[in-house]
Amino acid sequence: MEELKLPSPCVVILVGPGASGKSTWAAERFAADLIVSSDRLRALVGAGEDDLAASADAFALLEEVVAQRIGRQLTTVIDTLGLDRERRLRWLGLARAAGMPCVAVGFDTPADECRRRNRSRLQRIPADALTSQLRSWTAVKKALPAEGYDDVLQPAVVRVVPSAFVEAGAAAQRQEESPTGLRFGLQLSSYTHKAGRAGTASWIREVATRAEAAGFDAIYVMDHFRQIPQVGRAWDDFLESWTTLGYLAACTSRARLGTLVSGITYRNVAHLGKIAATLDVLSGGRAVCGVGLAWFEAEHKAYGWAFPPVGERYALLEDALQLLPVLWGPGNKPFHGAVLDVPDTTCYPRPLQERLPLLVGGSGPRTLRLAARHADAVNVFGDVAQVRKRVGYLREFSTSVEVSHLSTTLVGKDRRDVDELVAQLRPRNQDPARYAATVNAGTVADQIGRFRELSEAGVAEVMISLPSLDTLENAGEVISAFRR
C-alpha cells in the first residue's frame, strides 16, 4: 500500500465507533507522545481505562491537552470516538487558528467486525452502547466531508513528515521511471569529532575518502574563522578554509574543492585569486571559488576587520567578480574597478582550468543579478517553491548561470532509522518534529524525491551539510539514484 505523507505539524482526528481499530492504527503509525487518548486519560484520572465514572474528567483533560499541544504547534493525534460534531469542529478550529493542517480519519469497520472484536475484549463495551455508536457513525461518515478538513482519509499507511517531503513520493517515482542527473557536494560545517586536535588530519582524510566513495562530486568548506552560532559555539574547533582545501587536495583524487562561500571582506581580493589559482594547480584543476557578501559581523569585530555597510560590500563583490577572471587570465594588465585598483594582475601559475568556476552565494534579487552578469553559478537557499521563484528571476537575466542549492540534510535508511537519528541528534530542548524539519530529516526515498523536485525547479548541484557524518553512506544511496 502506498504511503500517505502528512505535513508536520498537523492535527489528526480519529473518528469511528468503539472496536473499529482506531487505537491500534494510531499506535502502529505515530509515536506515543503524539497521541492524546481518551482511554489513557481515563486511566490517568480514574481507576483504569474502563472507569466510565472518570469519563467527564478524562474528556475535560483531553480538551486541555489538545488545546495546549495545538497552541504549541505540535502534531496531535486525537484518539477518541470522535463522534461528537461539536468537539470535532472545536479541534478543527484550534488547528486553523494555529495555522496547522487538520485531517479526519474515518474508521468504517463493518458493524459485525466491531461486535466480534468487542466480544474478544476483557473489558467489553456494553452492547447497547456499541449499537448506539455504530448508529451514530452511519450519520457521521456522511457529514465528515462537509466539515472543512484538509482531507478525510481512510485508515492507511500514514507518516507525518517535514513539509519538504509531502510530495516526495511522487517525485521519487518520477526519478525511478525517468532518471535525471544531479551533482552532489558535501559541505563540511563542523570539525568537532571524537579524535580531538591530534586526530583532526586523519579524521578529515577519512571523511574525504568516504565522501568520494559515496559518490560526492565536490567537497565544500565554510569560510569562517570561528564556528557560526547556527552550528555550534564560538570556541569549537574550526579550521581555516583554504588551508583545509589544500590538505583535501592531497586527500582526494576526483572531487571538486571550494569554499561555500568566501566572505569578500576577509582577504585582499587579488590575494584570494592567487590562493584559488594555487589550489587549482595543486588539485589538478578541481578548484571552485565561492564568494559572497559576508554576513558575520561578530567575527569581523573579533578579528579587528572592518564590516562595511551592505552597499559597500556589494560594490566590493561586483569588483571582485570582475577582477578574479582577469587575475586568472594571461598577462598582467591592470584592473580599475569601482572600489578596487590593482595595477598589476600577474598571477602565475595560472589555473589549470580554462575558466576557474566563480560561484556566488546568496538568494536576494541584487545578488542574483550580479551572478547573472559575472558568475558561473549561484548558490541559493529555500524550499522548492522559493527555489523555483529564484530560478525564474535569474533566468530573466541569464540562461547560462548554473543554480546550486545548500541545505542541511539528515538521511536515514528507513522511517525507524530517521526517528532514531532525530532522537539522538536533536537538542534536548527542541521538539523532535521541529528539529526534523530544520535538518530535512527523511529516508533515502524521501531525499531522492526532494532532490528530484529541486532538479525540476532548475538546480544543477545540491550541496548538503550532514548533521551526522555517520550517515554519509546513506547519502551515497541517494546519490546513486541520480547516476542511472
Protein backbone atom coordinates (compact mmCIF):
# COMPACT_ATOMS: atom_id res chain seq x y z
CA MET A 1 0.00 0.00 0.00
CA GLU A 2 1.34 3.45 -0.96
CA GLU A 3 2.41 5.56 1.98
CA LEU A 4 0.47 8.78 2.57
CA LYS A 5 2.54 11.66 3.94
CA LEU A 6 1.04 14.31 6.20
CA PRO A 7 2.87 17.62 6.77
CA SER A 8 4.41 18.27 10.17
CA PRO A 9 2.94 19.64 12.32
CA CYS A 10 -0.67 18.62 11.79
CA VAL A 11 -3.81 17.57 13.67
CA VAL A 12 -5.25 14.11 13.06
CA ILE A 13 -8.76 13.39 14.37
CA LEU A 14 -9.71 9.71 14.58
CA VAL A 15 -13.41 9.10 14.04
CA GLY A 16 -15.29 5.83 14.40
CA PRO A 17 -17.21 3.54 16.76
CA GLY A 18 -15.58 1.54 19.52
CA ALA A 19 -13.60 -1.55 18.43
CA SER A 20 -13.16 -0.12 14.92
CA GLY A 21 -9.35 -0.17 15.25
CA LYS A 22 -8.51 3.47 15.94
CA SER A 23 -6.08 2.97 18.84
CA THR A 24 -4.30 0.06 17.17
CA TRP A 25 -3.90 2.01 13.94
CA ALA A 26 -2.59 5.10 15.74
CA ALA A 27 -0.09 3.14 17.85
CA GLU A 28 1.34 1.48 14.72
CA ARG A 29 1.89 4.76 12.88
CA PHE A 30 2.60 7.50 15.39
CA ALA A 31 4.98 7.95 18.30
CA ALA A 32 3.17 7.55 21.61
CA ASP A 33 3.96 11.17 22.58
CA LEU A 34 1.86 12.43 19.67
CA ILE A 35 -1.32 10.56 20.63
CA VAL A 36 -3.88 12.06 23.01
CA SER A 37 -6.11 9.13 24.01
CA SER A 38 -9.35 9.44 25.98
CA ASP A 39 -8.89 5.88 27.29
CA ARG A 40 -5.39 6.60 28.58
CA LEU A 41 -6.55 9.83 30.21
CA ARG A 42 -9.43 7.95 31.82
CA ALA A 43 -6.83 5.64 33.36
CA LEU A 44 -4.86 8.68 34.50
CA VAL A 45 -7.71 10.38 36.34
CA GLY A 46 -9.66 7.23 37.28
CA ALA A 47 -9.16 3.62 38.24
CA GLY A 48 -8.40 2.44 34.71
CA GLU A 49 -9.24 2.84 31.03
CA ASP A 50 -12.70 1.33 31.64
CA ASP A 51 -13.59 3.53 34.59
CA LEU A 52 -16.60 5.17 32.99
CA ALA A 53 -17.20 7.28 36.10
CA ALA A 54 -14.00 9.15 35.22
CA SER A 55 -15.11 9.91 31.66
CA ALA A 56 -16.14 13.53 32.25
CA ASP A 57 -12.82 14.37 33.92
CA ALA A 58 -10.91 12.47 31.23
CA PHE A 59 -12.57 14.44 28.43
CA ALA A 60 -12.04 17.73 30.23
CA LEU A 61 -8.35 16.87 30.49
CA LEU A 62 -8.28 15.76 26.84
CA GLU A 63 -9.64 19.13 25.74
CA GLU A 64 -6.97 20.93 27.75
CA VAL A 65 -4.13 18.75 26.44
CA VAL A 66 -5.31 19.09 22.84
CA ALA A 67 -5.57 22.86 23.18
CA GLN A 68 -2.10 23.13 24.72
CA ARG A 69 -0.44 20.92 22.09
CA ILE A 70 -2.07 22.66 19.15
CA GLY A 71 -1.26 26.03 20.71
CA ARG A 72 2.39 24.97 20.67
CA GLN A 73 2.01 23.77 17.07
CA LEU A 74 2.77 20.15 17.93
CA THR A 75 1.46 17.28 15.86
CA THR A 76 -1.55 15.93 17.75
CA VAL A 77 -3.38 12.67 17.07
CA ILE A 78 -6.74 12.71 18.89
CA ASP A 79 -7.72 9.14 19.71
CA THR A 80 -11.29 9.07 20.96
CA LEU A 81 -14.60 8.14 19.37
CA GLY A 82 -14.71 11.47 17.53
CA LEU A 83 -18.45 11.09 17.03
CA ASP A 84 -19.34 14.39 18.70
CA ARG A 85 -19.57 17.03 15.94
CA GLU A 86 -19.14 19.94 18.33
CA ARG A 87 -15.87 18.53 19.63
CA ARG A 88 -14.57 17.80 16.13
CA LEU A 89 -15.28 21.31 14.94
CA ARG A 90 -13.67 22.77 18.05
CA TRP A 91 -10.46 20.83 17.34
CA LEU A 92 -10.61 21.87 13.69
CA GLY A 93 -10.98 25.49 14.79
CA LEU A 94 -7.94 25.22 17.06
CA ALA A 95 -5.92 23.81 14.17
CA ARG A 96 -7.00 26.61 11.86
CA ALA A 97 -6.14 29.24 14.47
CA ALA A 98 -2.67 27.73 14.82
CA GLY A 99 -2.18 27.53 11.04
CA MET A 100 -1.95 23.73 11.13
CA PRO A 101 -3.38 21.25 8.61
CA CYS A 102 -6.18 19.10 10.05
CA VAL A 103 -7.37 15.76 8.71
CA ALA A 104 -10.04 13.35 9.86
CA VAL A 105 -9.50 9.61 9.60
CA GLY A 106 -12.76 7.67 9.38
CA PHE A 107 -12.82 4.04 10.54
CA ASP A 108 -15.64 2.45 8.56
CA THR A 109 -15.16 -1.00 10.04
CA PRO A 110 -18.17 -3.30 9.41
CA ALA A 111 -20.56 -3.47 12.37
CA ASP A 112 -20.25 -7.25 12.66
CA GLU A 113 -16.45 -6.95 12.87
CA CYS A 114 -16.71 -4.28 15.58
CA ARG A 115 -19.02 -6.54 17.58
CA ARG A 116 -16.70 -9.54 17.08
CA ARG A 117 -13.72 -7.56 18.31
CA ASN A 118 -15.70 -6.26 21.24
CA ARG A 119 -16.65 -9.81 22.34
CA SER A 120 -12.95 -10.75 22.44
CA ARG A 121 -12.08 -7.90 24.82
CA LEU A 122 -11.53 -8.45 28.51
CA GLN A 123 -13.49 -5.30 29.21
CA ARG A 124 -16.30 -5.05 26.69
CA ILE A 125 -18.23 -2.02 25.57
CA PRO A 126 -21.86 -2.57 26.67
CA ALA A 127 -23.79 -3.95 23.70
CA ASP A 128 -26.34 -1.13 23.66
CA ALA A 129 -23.58 1.48 23.84
CA LEU A 130 -21.76 -0.05 20.88
CA THR A 131 -25.01 -0.23 18.90
CA SER A 132 -25.55 3.46 19.57
CA GLN A 133 -22.02 4.28 18.41
CA LEU A 134 -22.47 2.27 15.23
CA ARG A 135 -25.72 4.12 14.52
CA SER A 136 -24.06 7.48 15.10
CA TRP A 137 -21.16 6.55 12.83
CA THR A 138 -23.54 5.93 9.92
CA ALA A 139 -24.57 9.60 10.06
CA VAL A 140 -21.14 10.98 10.95
CA LYS A 141 -19.32 9.42 8.00
CA LYS A 142 -21.67 11.24 5.62
CA ALA A 143 -21.10 14.56 7.42
CA LEU A 144 -17.28 14.47 7.63
CA PRO A 145 -16.52 15.57 4.03
CA ALA A 146 -18.52 18.79 4.52
CA GLU A 147 -16.94 19.85 7.82
CA GLY A 148 -13.93 21.60 6.31
CA TYR A 149 -10.95 19.30 6.96
CA ASP A 150 -7.95 19.40 4.67
CA ASP A 151 -8.76 15.79 3.90
CA VAL A 152 -10.93 12.95 5.11
CA LEU A 153 -8.91 9.76 4.99
CA GLN A 154 -9.48 6.08 5.29
CA PRO A 155 -7.06 4.20 7.54
CA ALA A 156 -3.90 3.75 5.51
CA VAL A 157 -0.13 3.73 5.75
CA VAL A 158 0.42 7.28 7.03
CA ARG A 159 3.54 9.14 8.12
CA VAL A 160 3.96 12.68 9.38
CA VAL A 161 6.94 14.26 7.65
CA PRO A 162 8.54 17.70 7.26
CA SER A 163 6.67 19.65 4.59
CA ALA A 164 9.61 19.24 2.19
CA PHE A 165 8.71 15.57 1.81
CA VAL A 166 4.93 15.67 1.42
CA GLU A 167 5.16 15.33 -2.38
CA ALA A 168 8.46 13.46 -2.36
CA GLY A 169 6.92 10.05 -3.05
CA ALA A 170 5.63 11.05 -6.47
CA ALA A 171 8.90 12.81 -7.28
CA ALA A 172 10.93 9.73 -6.28
CA GLN A 173 8.73 7.68 -8.61
CA ARG A 174 9.49 10.09 -11.44
CA GLN A 175 13.20 9.68 -10.74
CA GLU A 176 12.80 5.91 -10.86
CA GLU A 177 10.88 5.96 -14.13
CA SER A 178 12.73 8.79 -15.87
CA PRO A 179 16.08 9.41 -14.15
CA THR A 180 17.73 12.80 -14.31
CA GLY A 181 21.28 13.71 -13.39
CA LEU A 182 22.23 15.89 -10.43
CA ARG A 183 25.59 16.74 -8.90
CA PHE A 184 26.13 16.44 -5.15
CA GLY A 185 28.52 18.36 -2.93
CA LEU A 186 29.31 17.68 0.72
CA GLN A 187 29.63 20.77 2.89
CA LEU A 188 31.83 20.44 5.95
CA SER A 189 30.38 22.81 8.54
CA SER A 190 31.85 21.36 11.74
CA TYR A 191 35.21 19.96 12.76
CA THR A 192 34.11 18.53 16.08
CA HIS A 193 34.96 14.86 16.32
CA LYS A 194 35.98 12.25 18.86
CA ALA A 195 39.67 12.08 17.96
CA GLY A 196 40.47 15.63 19.14
CA ARG A 197 43.00 18.04 17.67
CA ALA A 198 45.71 15.44 17.24
CA GLY A 199 43.39 13.30 15.14
CA THR A 200 41.90 16.09 13.02
CA ALA A 201 44.06 15.49 9.95
CA SER A 202 43.34 11.76 9.81
CA TRP A 203 39.65 12.42 10.52
CA ILE A 204 39.34 14.82 7.58
CA ARG A 205 41.18 12.40 5.32
CA GLU A 206 38.76 9.65 6.30
CA VAL A 207 35.72 11.87 5.69
CA ALA A 208 37.05 12.88 2.26
CA THR A 209 37.77 9.29 1.30
CA ARG A 210 34.28 8.20 2.34
CA ALA A 211 32.71 11.15 0.52
CA GLU A 212 34.38 10.27 -2.76
CA ALA A 213 33.48 6.60 -2.31
CA ALA A 214 29.85 7.60 -1.66
CA GLY A 215 29.77 9.44 -4.97
CA PHE A 216 30.01 13.09 -3.92
CA ASP A 217 31.16 15.27 -6.82
CA ALA A 218 32.56 18.03 -4.60
CA ILE A 219 33.59 18.92 -1.06
CA TYR A 220 32.98 22.44 0.20
CA VAL A 221 34.01 24.14 3.42
CA MET A 222 32.59 27.21 5.16
CA ASP A 223 34.85 30.24 5.05
CA HIS A 224 34.84 31.36 8.67
CA PHE A 225 37.42 31.74 11.40
CA ARG A 226 35.26 30.69 14.32
CA GLN A 227 32.21 28.46 14.43
CA ILE A 228 28.96 30.21 13.48
CA PRO A 229 26.11 30.25 16.05
CA GLN A 230 23.79 28.30 13.74
CA VAL A 231 26.10 25.30 14.04
CA GLY A 232 27.95 25.46 17.35
CA ARG A 233 29.92 27.52 19.83
CA ALA A 234 32.49 30.17 19.03
CA TRP A 235 35.20 28.17 20.81
CA ASP A 236 34.55 24.90 18.96
CA ASP A 237 37.49 23.80 16.81
CA PHE A 238 37.23 25.45 13.38
CA LEU A 239 39.79 25.21 10.59
CA GLU A 240 40.80 27.94 8.14
CA SER A 241 39.06 27.20 4.86
CA TRP A 242 41.63 27.49 2.07
CA THR A 243 44.34 25.75 4.11
CA THR A 244 41.90 22.90 4.66
CA LEU A 245 41.12 22.75 0.94
CA GLY A 246 44.83 22.47 0.19
CA TYR A 247 45.02 19.47 2.51
CA LEU A 248 41.89 17.99 0.93
CA ALA A 249 43.53 18.31 -2.49
CA ALA A 250 46.13 15.81 -1.31
CA CYS A 251 43.50 13.56 0.29
CA THR A 252 41.25 13.26 -2.77
CA SER A 253 41.58 12.46 -6.44
CA ARG A 254 38.25 13.33 -8.06
CA ALA A 255 36.08 15.71 -6.02
CA ARG A 256 36.00 19.40 -6.83
CA LEU A 257 37.02 21.61 -3.90
CA GLY A 258 35.75 25.02 -2.89
CA THR A 259 34.51 27.45 -0.30
CA LEU A 260 30.81 27.93 0.29
CA VAL A 261 31.46 30.82 0.28
CA SER A 262 34.42 33.13 0.93
CA GLY A 263 33.40 36.41 2.53
CA ILE A 264 34.57 39.16 0.23
CA THR A 265 35.74 41.27 3.19
CA TYR A 266 38.08 38.64 4.64
CA ARG A 267 41.03 38.94 2.24
CA ASN A 268 42.60 41.21 -0.28
CA VAL A 269 40.75 40.10 -3.42
CA ALA A 270 43.88 39.76 -5.54
CA HIS A 271 45.35 37.58 -2.80
CA LEU A 272 42.17 35.47 -2.83
CA GLY A 273 42.62 35.00 -6.58
CA LYS A 274 46.21 33.81 -6.05
CA ILE A 275 45.07 31.34 -3.37
CA ALA A 276 42.35 29.89 -5.61
CA ALA A 277 44.71 29.60 -8.59
CA THR A 278 47.26 27.76 -6.44
CA LEU A 279 44.60 25.33 -5.22
CA ASP A 280 43.53 24.67 -8.80
CA VAL A 281 47.08 23.79 -9.84
CA LEU A 282 47.79 21.59 -6.82
CA SER A 283 44.44 19.79 -7.09
CA GLY A 284 44.79 19.04 -10.78
CA GLY A 285 42.12 21.52 -11.89
CA ARG A 286 39.44 20.90 -9.25
CA ALA A 287 39.08 24.28 -7.54
CA VAL A 288 35.85 26.26 -7.22
CA CYS A 289 35.99 29.85 -5.97
CA GLY A 290 32.88 30.68 -3.99
CA VAL A 291 32.38 34.31 -2.94
CA GLY A 292 29.71 36.21 -1.08
CA LEU A 293 28.93 39.45 0.75
CA ALA A 294 30.00 38.19 4.20
CA TRP A 295 27.43 38.49 6.98
CA PHE A 296 29.02 37.52 10.31
CA GLU A 297 29.63 40.92 11.88
CA ALA A 298 30.72 39.48 15.24
CA GLU A 299 33.52 37.59 13.53
CA HIS A 300 34.75 40.76 11.86
CA LYS A 301 34.81 42.60 15.18
CA ALA A 302 36.60 39.71 16.90
CA TYR A 303 39.41 39.77 14.32
CA GLY A 304 39.59 43.54 14.02
CA TRP A 305 38.25 43.72 10.46
CA ALA A 306 36.02 46.46 9.15
CA PHE A 307 32.45 45.42 8.39
CA PRO A 308 31.30 47.92 5.75
CA PRO A 309 27.64 48.71 5.07
CA VAL A 310 25.88 46.34 2.70
CA GLY A 311 26.08 48.76 -0.24
CA GLU A 312 29.86 48.97 0.06
CA ARG A 313 30.13 45.21 0.30
CA TYR A 314 28.05 44.81 -2.86
CA ALA A 315 30.38 47.21 -4.68
CA LEU A 316 33.38 45.19 -3.47
CA LEU A 317 31.74 41.91 -4.52
CA GLU A 318 30.95 43.21 -8.00
CA ASP A 319 34.53 44.41 -8.48
CA ALA A 320 35.84 41.06 -7.21
CA LEU A 321 33.71 39.10 -9.69
CA GLN A 322 35.29 41.10 -12.50
CA LEU A 323 38.84 41.14 -11.12
CA LEU A 324 39.25 37.42 -10.43
CA PRO A 325 38.91 36.23 -14.06
CA VAL A 326 41.44 38.90 -15.06
CA LEU A 327 43.89 37.57 -12.46
CA TRP A 328 43.40 34.04 -13.76
CA GLY A 329 43.91 35.10 -17.37
CA PRO A 330 47.12 35.73 -19.30
CA GLY A 331 49.29 38.79 -18.93
CA ASN A 332 49.43 41.40 -16.23
CA LYS A 333 47.02 44.12 -17.34
CA PRO A 334 45.83 46.49 -14.63
CA PHE A 335 42.31 46.43 -13.16
CA HIS A 336 40.47 49.57 -12.17
CA GLY A 337 37.05 48.99 -10.65
CA ALA A 338 34.59 50.99 -8.63
CA VAL A 339 36.42 50.30 -5.36
CA LEU A 340 39.34 48.04 -6.31
CA ASP A 341 42.51 49.20 -8.02
CA VAL A 342 45.08 46.51 -8.91
CA PRO A 343 47.95 47.92 -11.02
CA ASP A 344 49.44 44.54 -11.95
CA THR A 345 47.38 41.33 -12.20
CA THR A 346 50.26 38.93 -12.60
CA CYS A 347 49.17 35.51 -11.29
CA TYR A 348 51.36 32.57 -12.31
CA PRO A 349 50.96 29.70 -12.46
CA ARG A 350 47.56 30.30 -13.96
CA PRO A 351 44.76 27.89 -13.03
CA LEU A 352 44.68 24.62 -14.91
CA GLN A 353 41.01 25.07 -15.72
CA GLU A 354 40.33 27.25 -18.73
CA ARG A 355 37.87 29.12 -16.53
CA LEU A 356 38.09 28.54 -12.81
CA PRO A 357 34.41 28.47 -11.74
CA LEU A 358 33.12 31.50 -9.85
CA LEU A 359 30.22 30.73 -7.56
CA VAL A 360 28.24 33.45 -5.80
CA GLY A 361 26.36 32.68 -2.59
CA GLY A 362 23.04 34.39 -1.94
CA SER A 363 19.36 34.38 -2.85
CA GLY A 364 18.40 38.07 -2.99
CA PRO A 365 17.47 39.80 -6.25
CA ARG A 366 20.58 42.01 -6.26
CA THR A 367 22.87 39.02 -5.73
CA LEU A 368 21.10 37.03 -8.46
CA ARG A 369 21.55 39.91 -10.90
CA LEU A 370 25.26 40.13 -10.04
CA ALA A 371 25.66 36.39 -10.56
CA ALA A 372 23.84 36.61 -13.89
CA ARG A 373 26.33 39.23 -15.12
CA HIS A 374 29.59 37.91 -13.76
CA ALA A 375 29.50 34.36 -12.31
CA ASP A 376 29.32 30.79 -13.45
CA ALA A 377 26.96 29.63 -10.68
CA VAL A 378 24.85 30.94 -7.83
CA ASN A 379 24.04 29.09 -4.63
CA VAL A 380 20.56 29.65 -3.19
CA PHE A 381 18.57 28.57 -0.16
CA GLY A 382 14.90 27.80 0.34
CA ASP A 383 12.23 25.21 -0.32
CA VAL A 384 11.27 24.06 -3.80
CA ALA A 385 8.74 26.84 -4.35
CA GLN A 386 11.25 29.51 -3.30
CA VAL A 387 13.97 27.98 -5.48
CA ARG A 388 11.64 27.87 -8.48
CA LYS A 389 10.83 31.56 -8.00
CA ARG A 390 14.52 32.50 -7.68
CA VAL A 391 15.49 30.49 -10.72
CA GLY A 392 12.71 32.18 -12.68
CA TYR A 393 14.03 35.59 -11.67
CA LEU A 394 17.62 34.63 -12.53
CA ARG A 395 16.58 33.42 -15.96
CA GLU A 396 15.29 36.90 -16.79
CA PHE A 397 18.94 37.96 -16.84
CA SER A 398 20.89 34.82 -17.78
CA THR A 399 20.18 31.39 -19.22
CA SER A 400 23.69 30.05 -18.65
CA VAL A 401 24.44 30.62 -14.95
CA GLU A 402 24.04 27.37 -13.01
CA VAL A 403 21.98 27.18 -9.84
CA SER A 404 23.11 25.20 -6.82
CA HIS A 405 21.26 24.68 -3.55
CA LEU A 406 22.52 24.29 0.01
CA SER A 407 20.59 22.53 2.76
CA THR A 408 21.16 20.61 5.95
CA THR A 409 20.15 17.03 5.25
CA LEU A 410 19.68 14.14 7.66
CA VAL A 411 19.37 10.85 5.78
CA GLY A 412 18.05 7.71 7.45
CA LYS A 413 17.81 4.30 5.86
CA ASP A 414 14.13 3.98 6.72
CA ARG A 415 11.45 5.51 8.92
CA ARG A 416 12.71 3.87 12.10
CA ASP A 417 16.29 4.96 11.40
CA VAL A 418 15.15 8.56 10.83
CA ASP A 419 13.28 8.59 14.14
CA GLU A 420 16.31 7.22 15.98
CA LEU A 421 18.65 9.77 14.37
CA VAL A 422 16.34 12.64 15.28
CA ALA A 423 16.10 11.41 18.88
CA GLN A 424 19.89 11.08 19.08
CA LEU A 425 20.88 14.38 17.47
CA ARG A 426 18.21 16.92 18.41
CA PRO A 427 18.97 19.49 21.10
CA ARG A 428 17.39 18.49 24.38
CA ASN A 429 15.05 21.49 24.47
CA GLN A 430 13.85 21.21 20.86
CA ASP A 431 10.70 19.45 19.70
CA PRO A 432 11.64 16.41 17.55
CA ALA A 433 9.34 17.48 14.72
CA ARG A 434 10.82 20.98 14.57
CA TYR A 435 14.33 19.58 14.59
CA ALA A 436 13.39 17.11 11.84
CA ALA A 437 12.10 19.99 9.71
CA THR A 438 15.19 22.11 10.40
CA VAL A 439 17.55 19.37 9.20
CA ASN A 440 15.28 17.96 6.48
CA ALA A 441 15.22 14.57 8.19
CA GLY A 442 13.96 11.89 5.83
CA THR A 443 14.53 8.44 4.46
CA VAL A 444 16.66 7.68 1.42
CA ALA A 445 13.45 7.57 -0.66
CA ASP A 446 12.28 10.90 0.82
CA GLN A 447 15.55 12.58 -0.10
CA ILE A 448 15.52 11.21 -3.63
CA GLY A 449 12.11 12.80 -4.09
CA ARG A 450 13.15 16.13 -2.56
CA PHE A 451 16.25 16.40 -4.73
CA ARG A 452 14.30 15.38 -7.84
CA GLU A 453 11.92 18.27 -7.12
CA LEU A 454 14.88 20.65 -6.75
CA SER A 455 16.29 19.37 -10.03
CA GLU A 456 12.96 20.01 -11.72
CA ALA A 457 13.00 23.53 -10.25
CA GLY A 458 16.27 24.22 -12.09
CA VAL A 459 19.02 23.15 -9.67
CA ALA A 460 22.13 21.57 -11.19
CA GLU A 461 24.01 20.79 -7.96
CA VAL A 462 22.90 20.25 -4.39
CA MET A 463 25.27 20.84 -1.50
CA ILE A 464 24.32 19.08 1.69
CA SER A 465 25.55 19.50 5.23
CA LEU A 466 25.13 16.28 7.19
CA PRO A 467 24.27 16.67 10.91
CA SER A 468 25.95 13.31 11.39
CA LEU A 469 28.76 12.08 9.16
CA ASP A 470 27.75 8.59 10.22
CA THR A 471 25.04 8.97 7.58
CA LEU A 472 27.49 9.58 4.74
CA GLU A 473 26.85 6.18 3.22
CA ASN A 474 23.09 6.71 3.43
CA ALA A 475 23.62 9.87 1.39
CA GLY A 476 25.52 7.73 -1.07
CA GLU A 477 22.35 5.70 -1.66
CA VAL A 478 20.55 8.91 -2.55
CA ILE A 479 23.33 9.94 -4.93
CA SER A 480 23.20 6.58 -6.71
CA ALA A 481 19.60 7.26 -7.73
CA PHE A 482 20.89 10.17 -9.84
CA ARG A 483 23.64 8.15 -11.51
CA ARG A 484 21.49 5.74 -13.52
